[in-house]
N, C-alpha and C. Protein backbone atom coordinates (compact mmCIF):
# COMPACT_ATOMS: atom_id res chain seq x y z
N MET A 1 -13.61 -19.33 10.75
CA MET A 1 -12.54 -18.19 10.03
C MET A 1 -13.39 -17.86 8.74
N LYS A 2 -13.95 -16.40 8.98
CA LYS A 2 -13.76 -15.99 7.46
C LYS A 2 -12.67 -15.65 6.37
N VAL A 3 -13.57 -16.20 5.10
CA VAL A 3 -12.46 -15.69 4.05
C VAL A 3 -12.41 -14.52 3.07
N VAL A 4 -11.81 -14.06 3.06
CA VAL A 4 -11.86 -12.58 2.32
C VAL A 4 -10.94 -12.93 1.33
N TYR A 5 -11.17 -12.07 -0.04
CA TYR A 5 -10.82 -12.24 -1.60
C TYR A 5 -10.61 -10.98 -2.07
N ILE A 6 -9.12 -10.30 -1.74
CA ILE A 6 -8.80 -9.14 -2.31
C ILE A 6 -9.26 -8.80 -3.83
N ILE A 7 -9.64 -8.06 -4.37
CA ILE A 7 -10.15 -7.46 -5.52
C ILE A 7 -9.37 -6.57 -5.94
N GLY A 8 -8.49 -6.23 -6.87
CA GLY A 8 -7.90 -5.17 -6.96
C GLY A 8 -6.34 -5.11 -8.48
N PRO A 9 -6.40 -4.19 -9.03
CA PRO A 9 -5.06 -4.00 -10.02
C PRO A 9 -4.49 -4.51 -9.62
N ILE A 10 -3.56 -5.71 -10.56
CA ILE A 10 -2.09 -6.07 -10.30
C ILE A 10 -1.49 -5.74 -11.49
N ARG A 11 -1.38 -6.06 -12.37
CA ARG A 11 -0.65 -5.67 -14.13
C ARG A 11 -1.02 -4.18 -14.02
N SER A 12 0.38 -3.68 -14.73
CA SER A 12 0.52 -2.26 -15.28
C SER A 12 1.52 -2.58 -16.24
N GLN A 13 1.31 -1.74 -17.31
CA GLN A 13 2.33 -1.34 -18.45
C GLN A 13 3.52 -0.91 -17.87
N SER A 14 3.95 -0.16 -16.52
CA SER A 14 4.77 0.02 -15.92
C SER A 14 5.31 -1.04 -14.95
N LEU A 15 6.64 -1.34 -14.74
CA LEU A 15 6.94 -1.98 -13.85
C LEU A 15 6.87 -1.46 -12.20
N VAL A 16 6.91 -0.19 -11.93
CA VAL A 16 7.08 0.60 -10.98
C VAL A 16 5.64 0.45 -10.38
N THR A 17 4.28 0.68 -11.24
CA THR A 17 3.15 0.79 -10.97
C THR A 17 2.43 -0.54 -10.48
N HIS A 18 3.12 -1.79 -11.15
CA HIS A 18 2.97 -3.13 -10.96
C HIS A 18 3.39 -3.47 -9.93
N ALA A 19 4.87 -3.08 -9.40
CA ALA A 19 4.96 -3.22 -8.04
C ALA A 19 4.38 -2.71 -6.92
N LYS A 20 3.97 -1.44 -6.97
CA LYS A 20 3.13 -1.14 -6.22
C LYS A 20 1.69 -1.17 -6.04
N ASN A 21 1.22 -1.77 -7.02
CA ASN A 21 -0.13 -2.65 -6.78
C ASN A 21 0.03 -3.61 -6.22
N ILE A 22 1.23 -4.57 -6.24
CA ILE A 22 1.37 -5.85 -5.14
C ILE A 22 1.65 -5.27 -4.08
N ARG A 23 2.38 -4.05 -3.60
CA ARG A 23 2.98 -3.93 -2.48
C ARG A 23 1.23 -3.12 -1.57
N ARG A 24 0.46 -2.38 -2.48
CA ARG A 24 -0.29 -2.45 -1.58
C ARG A 24 -1.48 -3.24 -1.22
N ALA A 25 -1.94 -4.05 -2.27
CA ALA A 25 -2.45 -5.52 -2.05
C ALA A 25 -1.95 -6.04 -0.55
N LYS A 26 -0.72 -5.96 -0.31
CA LYS A 26 -0.22 -7.22 0.43
C LYS A 26 -0.36 -6.24 1.85
N LYS A 27 0.05 -4.61 1.93
CA LYS A 27 -0.59 -4.63 3.37
C LYS A 27 -1.80 -4.71 3.41
N ILE A 28 -2.84 -4.12 2.31
CA ILE A 28 -4.49 -4.65 2.92
C ILE A 28 -4.39 -6.06 3.71
N ALA A 29 -3.23 -6.72 2.70
CA ALA A 29 -3.85 -8.33 3.07
C ALA A 29 -3.69 -8.72 4.68
N MET A 30 -2.20 -7.89 4.68
CA MET A 30 -1.75 -7.75 6.44
C MET A 30 -2.37 -7.49 7.34
N LYS A 31 -3.75 -6.38 7.22
CA LYS A 31 -4.21 -5.37 7.81
C LYS A 31 -5.59 -6.93 8.22
N LEU A 32 -6.18 -7.28 7.06
CA LEU A 32 -7.02 -8.59 7.45
C LEU A 32 -6.44 -9.40 7.63
N TRP A 33 -5.75 -9.94 7.96
CA TRP A 33 -5.15 -11.42 8.66
C TRP A 33 -4.96 -10.34 10.09
N HIS A 34 -4.46 -9.35 10.36
CA HIS A 34 -4.30 -8.81 11.61
C HIS A 34 -6.04 -9.16 12.15
N ALA A 35 -7.08 -8.80 11.34
CA ALA A 35 -8.21 -8.59 12.24
C ALA A 35 -8.85 -9.78 12.12
N GLY A 36 -8.48 -10.78 11.85
CA GLY A 36 -8.74 -12.07 12.31
C GLY A 36 -9.20 -12.93 10.83
N PHE A 37 -9.30 -12.41 9.66
CA PHE A 37 -9.72 -12.98 8.54
C PHE A 37 -8.66 -13.90 7.72
N ALA A 38 -9.20 -15.12 7.29
CA ALA A 38 -7.87 -15.57 6.21
C ALA A 38 -8.02 -14.88 5.25
N VAL A 39 -6.47 -14.59 4.20
CA VAL A 39 -6.71 -13.88 3.23
C VAL A 39 -6.47 -14.48 2.01
N ILE A 40 -6.97 -14.16 1.05
CA ILE A 40 -6.74 -14.87 -0.69
C ILE A 40 -6.50 -13.43 -1.37
N CYS A 41 -5.12 -13.09 -1.42
CA CYS A 41 -4.22 -12.42 -1.98
C CYS A 41 -4.09 -12.42 -3.53
N PRO A 42 -4.43 -12.24 -4.75
CA PRO A 42 -3.74 -12.74 -5.76
C PRO A 42 -2.48 -11.93 -6.12
N HIS A 43 -2.77 -10.64 -5.91
CA HIS A 43 -1.58 -9.93 -6.06
C HIS A 43 -0.07 -10.64 -5.57
N THR A 44 -0.09 -11.25 -4.68
CA THR A 44 0.69 -11.77 -3.74
C THR A 44 0.98 -13.43 -4.29
N ASN A 45 0.20 -14.04 -4.63
CA ASN A 45 -0.06 -15.36 -5.20
C ASN A 45 0.95 -15.48 -6.62
N SER A 46 0.14 -14.53 -7.32
CA SER A 46 0.83 -15.07 -8.62
C SER A 46 0.87 -13.19 -9.66
N GLY A 47 1.49 -12.40 -8.52
CA GLY A 47 1.48 -11.03 -9.31
C GLY A 47 2.55 -10.64 -10.24
N PHE A 48 3.68 -11.50 -10.58
CA PHE A 48 4.94 -11.31 -10.88
C PHE A 48 5.27 -12.38 -11.65
N ILE A 49 3.67 -13.44 -12.82
CA ILE A 49 3.83 -14.12 -13.46
C ILE A 49 3.64 -13.46 -14.30
N THR A 50 4.54 -13.77 -15.63
CA THR A 50 4.55 -12.73 -16.75
C THR A 50 4.26 -13.72 -18.13
N ASP A 51 4.52 -14.74 -18.02
CA ASP A 51 4.18 -16.21 -19.05
C ASP A 51 2.46 -16.01 -19.46
N LYS A 52 1.99 -15.49 -20.56
CA LYS A 52 1.07 -15.38 -21.22
C LYS A 52 0.18 -16.71 -20.70
N LEU A 53 0.21 -17.92 -20.89
CA LEU A 53 -0.32 -18.99 -20.83
C LEU A 53 -0.84 -18.97 -19.31
N LEU A 54 0.66 -19.23 -18.53
CA LEU A 54 0.14 -19.13 -16.98
C LEU A 54 -1.05 -18.10 -16.43
N GLU A 55 -0.83 -16.74 -17.12
CA GLU A 55 -1.30 -15.70 -17.13
C GLU A 55 -2.66 -16.02 -16.68
N ILE A 56 -3.33 -16.57 -18.12
CA ILE A 56 -4.80 -17.09 -18.23
C ILE A 56 -4.76 -18.19 -17.30
N CYS A 57 -4.19 -19.43 -17.12
CA CYS A 57 -4.61 -19.98 -15.81
C CYS A 57 -4.92 -19.56 -14.80
N CYS A 58 -3.97 -18.62 -14.23
CA CYS A 58 -4.09 -17.72 -13.06
C CYS A 58 -5.32 -16.90 -12.86
N ILE A 59 -5.92 -16.46 -13.72
CA ILE A 59 -6.99 -15.40 -13.99
C ILE A 59 -8.21 -16.23 -13.83
N LYS A 60 -8.47 -17.93 -14.57
CA LYS A 60 -9.27 -19.02 -14.05
C LYS A 60 -8.83 -19.10 -12.64
N GLY A 61 -7.98 -19.58 -12.22
CA GLY A 61 -7.81 -19.73 -10.79
C GLY A 61 -8.46 -18.57 -10.05
N ASP A 62 -7.78 -17.64 -10.07
CA ASP A 62 -8.58 -16.41 -9.26
C ASP A 62 -9.80 -16.56 -9.28
N ILE A 63 -10.98 -17.00 -9.93
CA ILE A 63 -12.17 -16.80 -9.58
C ILE A 63 -12.58 -18.18 -9.07
N GLU A 64 -11.85 -19.01 -9.53
CA GLU A 64 -12.11 -20.75 -8.60
C GLU A 64 -11.81 -20.17 -6.97
N LEU A 65 -10.90 -19.09 -6.76
CA LEU A 65 -10.30 -19.04 -5.23
C LEU A 65 -11.47 -18.39 -4.78
N LEU A 66 -11.78 -17.22 -5.66
CA LEU A 66 -13.54 -16.19 -5.58
C LEU A 66 -14.02 -16.83 -5.04
N LYS A 67 -14.60 -17.64 -5.66
CA LYS A 67 -15.98 -19.04 -5.21
C LYS A 67 -15.76 -19.83 -4.03
N ARG A 68 -14.69 -19.66 -3.42
CA ARG A 68 -14.45 -20.45 -2.13
C ARG A 68 -14.61 -19.36 -0.78
N SER A 69 -14.52 -17.88 -1.12
CA SER A 69 -14.39 -17.08 -0.29
C SER A 69 -15.47 -16.35 -0.07
N ASP A 70 -15.98 -15.87 1.66
CA ASP A 70 -16.82 -16.23 2.22
C ASP A 70 -17.26 -13.88 1.27
N PHE A 71 -16.19 -13.24 1.05
CA PHE A 71 -16.56 -12.50 1.03
C PHE A 71 -15.81 -11.68 0.00
N ALA A 72 -15.62 -10.23 -0.39
CA ALA A 72 -14.28 -9.44 -1.31
C ALA A 72 -14.31 -8.31 -1.27
N VAL A 73 -13.07 -7.98 -0.98
CA VAL A 73 -12.92 -6.21 -0.28
C VAL A 73 -12.32 -5.76 -1.75
N LEU A 74 -13.11 -4.46 -2.70
CA LEU A 74 -12.23 -3.84 -3.81
C LEU A 74 -11.20 -2.73 -3.26
N ILE A 75 -10.22 -2.91 -3.60
CA ILE A 75 -8.91 -1.67 -3.75
C ILE A 75 -8.78 -1.01 -4.84
N GLY A 76 -7.42 -0.02 -4.63
CA GLY A 76 -7.23 0.51 -5.61
C GLY A 76 -7.78 1.07 -6.76
N ASN A 77 -7.53 1.32 -7.69
CA ASN A 77 -7.99 1.32 -8.68
C ASN A 77 -8.91 0.48 -9.93
N TRP A 78 -9.38 -0.13 -8.99
CA TRP A 78 -9.98 -1.91 -9.49
C TRP A 78 -10.65 -1.36 -10.72
N ALA A 79 -11.64 -0.65 -11.03
CA ALA A 79 -12.83 -0.26 -11.69
C ALA A 79 -11.89 0.11 -13.66
N ASN A 80 -10.82 0.30 -13.28
CA ASN A 80 -9.95 0.29 -14.71
C ASN A 80 -8.88 -0.98 -14.99
N SER A 81 -9.51 -1.56 -14.24
CA SER A 81 -8.69 -3.33 -14.17
C SER A 81 -9.48 -4.38 -15.13
N GLU A 82 -9.32 -4.77 -16.07
CA GLU A 82 -10.07 -5.96 -16.69
C GLU A 82 -10.52 -7.15 -15.77
N GLY A 83 -9.47 -7.70 -14.94
CA GLY A 83 -9.42 -8.86 -13.75
C GLY A 83 -10.36 -8.35 -12.92
N SER A 84 -9.96 -7.13 -12.49
CA SER A 84 -11.37 -6.76 -11.34
C SER A 84 -12.36 -6.84 -12.34
N ILE A 85 -12.67 -6.19 -12.72
CA ILE A 85 -14.00 -5.74 -13.35
C ILE A 85 -14.56 -7.14 -13.22
N ASN A 86 -14.12 -8.19 -13.93
CA ASN A 86 -14.47 -9.46 -14.25
C ASN A 86 -14.85 -10.44 -12.86
N GLU A 87 -14.14 -10.06 -11.95
CA GLU A 87 -14.28 -10.63 -10.60
C GLU A 87 -14.98 -9.74 -10.05
N PHE A 88 -15.56 -8.52 -9.93
CA PHE A 88 -16.29 -7.73 -9.84
C PHE A 88 -17.67 -8.34 -10.23
N ARG A 89 -17.94 -8.51 -11.49
CA ARG A 89 -18.98 -9.03 -11.99
C ARG A 89 -19.58 -10.54 -11.24
N TRP A 90 -18.23 -11.41 -11.43
CA TRP A 90 -18.92 -12.31 -10.84
C TRP A 90 -19.40 -12.41 -9.35
N CYS A 91 -18.85 -11.78 -8.38
CA CYS A 91 -19.39 -11.50 -7.33
C CYS A 91 -20.97 -10.85 -7.16
N VAL A 92 -21.14 -9.81 -8.20
CA VAL A 92 -22.56 -9.23 -8.44
C VAL A 92 -23.28 -10.88 -9.08
N THR A 93 -22.85 -11.22 -9.88
CA THR A 93 -23.83 -12.64 -10.39
C THR A 93 -24.13 -13.63 -9.90
N ASN A 94 -22.99 -14.04 -8.60
CA ASN A 94 -23.17 -15.04 -7.70
C ASN A 94 -23.98 -14.31 -6.37
N ASN A 95 -24.20 -13.01 -6.09
CA ASN A 95 -24.23 -12.59 -4.81
C ASN A 95 -23.18 -13.23 -3.56
N LYS A 96 -22.63 -12.59 -4.26
CA LYS A 96 -21.25 -12.85 -3.24
C LYS A 96 -20.67 -11.22 -2.77
N ARG A 97 -20.93 -11.35 -1.20
CA ARG A 97 -20.65 -9.48 -0.43
C ARG A 97 -19.64 -8.91 -0.63
N ILE A 98 -19.53 -7.52 -1.14
CA ILE A 98 -18.49 -6.92 -1.88
C ILE A 98 -18.21 -5.92 -0.82
N TYR A 99 -17.32 -5.44 -0.31
CA TYR A 99 -16.64 -4.33 0.45
C TYR A 99 -15.95 -2.98 0.01
N VAL A 100 -16.56 -2.23 -0.42
CA VAL A 100 -15.39 -0.72 -1.15
C VAL A 100 -14.36 -0.61 -0.16
N SER A 101 -14.50 -0.80 0.96
CA SER A 101 -13.12 -0.58 2.22
C SER A 101 -12.78 -1.52 2.87
N VAL A 102 -11.64 -1.47 3.26
CA VAL A 102 -11.30 -2.46 4.50
C VAL A 102 -11.84 -2.60 5.56
N GLU A 103 -11.89 -1.23 6.01
CA GLU A 103 -12.75 -1.04 7.28
C GLU A 103 -14.19 -1.30 7.26
N GLU A 104 -14.99 -1.10 6.24
CA GLU A 104 -16.32 -1.74 6.62
C GLU A 104 -16.25 -3.37 6.30
N ALA A 105 -15.36 -3.72 6.01
CA ALA A 105 -15.60 -5.56 5.93
C ALA A 105 -15.12 -5.76 6.75
N ILE A 106 -14.29 -5.09 7.93
CA ILE A 106 -13.65 -5.68 9.13
C ILE A 106 -14.60 -5.64 10.17
N GLN A 107 -15.45 -4.18 10.05
CA GLN A 107 -16.42 -4.07 11.20
C GLN A 107 -17.96 -5.15 10.66
N ARG A 108 -18.03 -4.57 9.50
CA ARG A 108 -19.29 -5.86 9.13
C ARG A 108 -19.37 -7.41 9.20
N GLU A 109 -17.77 -7.89 8.85
CA GLU A 109 -17.82 -9.39 8.75
C GLU A 109 -17.27 -9.75 10.24
N LYS A 110 -16.50 -9.38 10.65
CA LYS A 110 -15.50 -9.60 11.83
C LYS A 110 -16.84 -10.33 12.69
N ILE A 111 -15.96 -11.79 13.21
CA ILE A 111 -17.06 -12.40 14.45
C ILE A 111 -16.17 -12.19 15.66
N VAL A 112 -16.89 -11.62 17.00
CA VAL A 112 -16.90 -11.32 17.92
C VAL A 112 -16.61 -12.32 18.91
């Protein structure tokens, strides 16, 4: 089973947007689970942690989880998220496959 990591914005100044980001990621994670992948979704793992020290630890932990994934999928407005940009850069630097759409990831990575 391949492991996919979801890269996208989590936190926001607005609690409404913060919650929307987490809901969007959860829907995408479910789609990927249904397609037969194991999914690492940091949004549902640590999305509501507000303690700054724990938040820093989670960001480092997310890179560790990204290292263990087979590929990543970009979602939402990831390019305006500092954490997402850092994860994207890590993928590029370390030759981790990245997809800009869930459909493309499913099509190219699905094991028949």
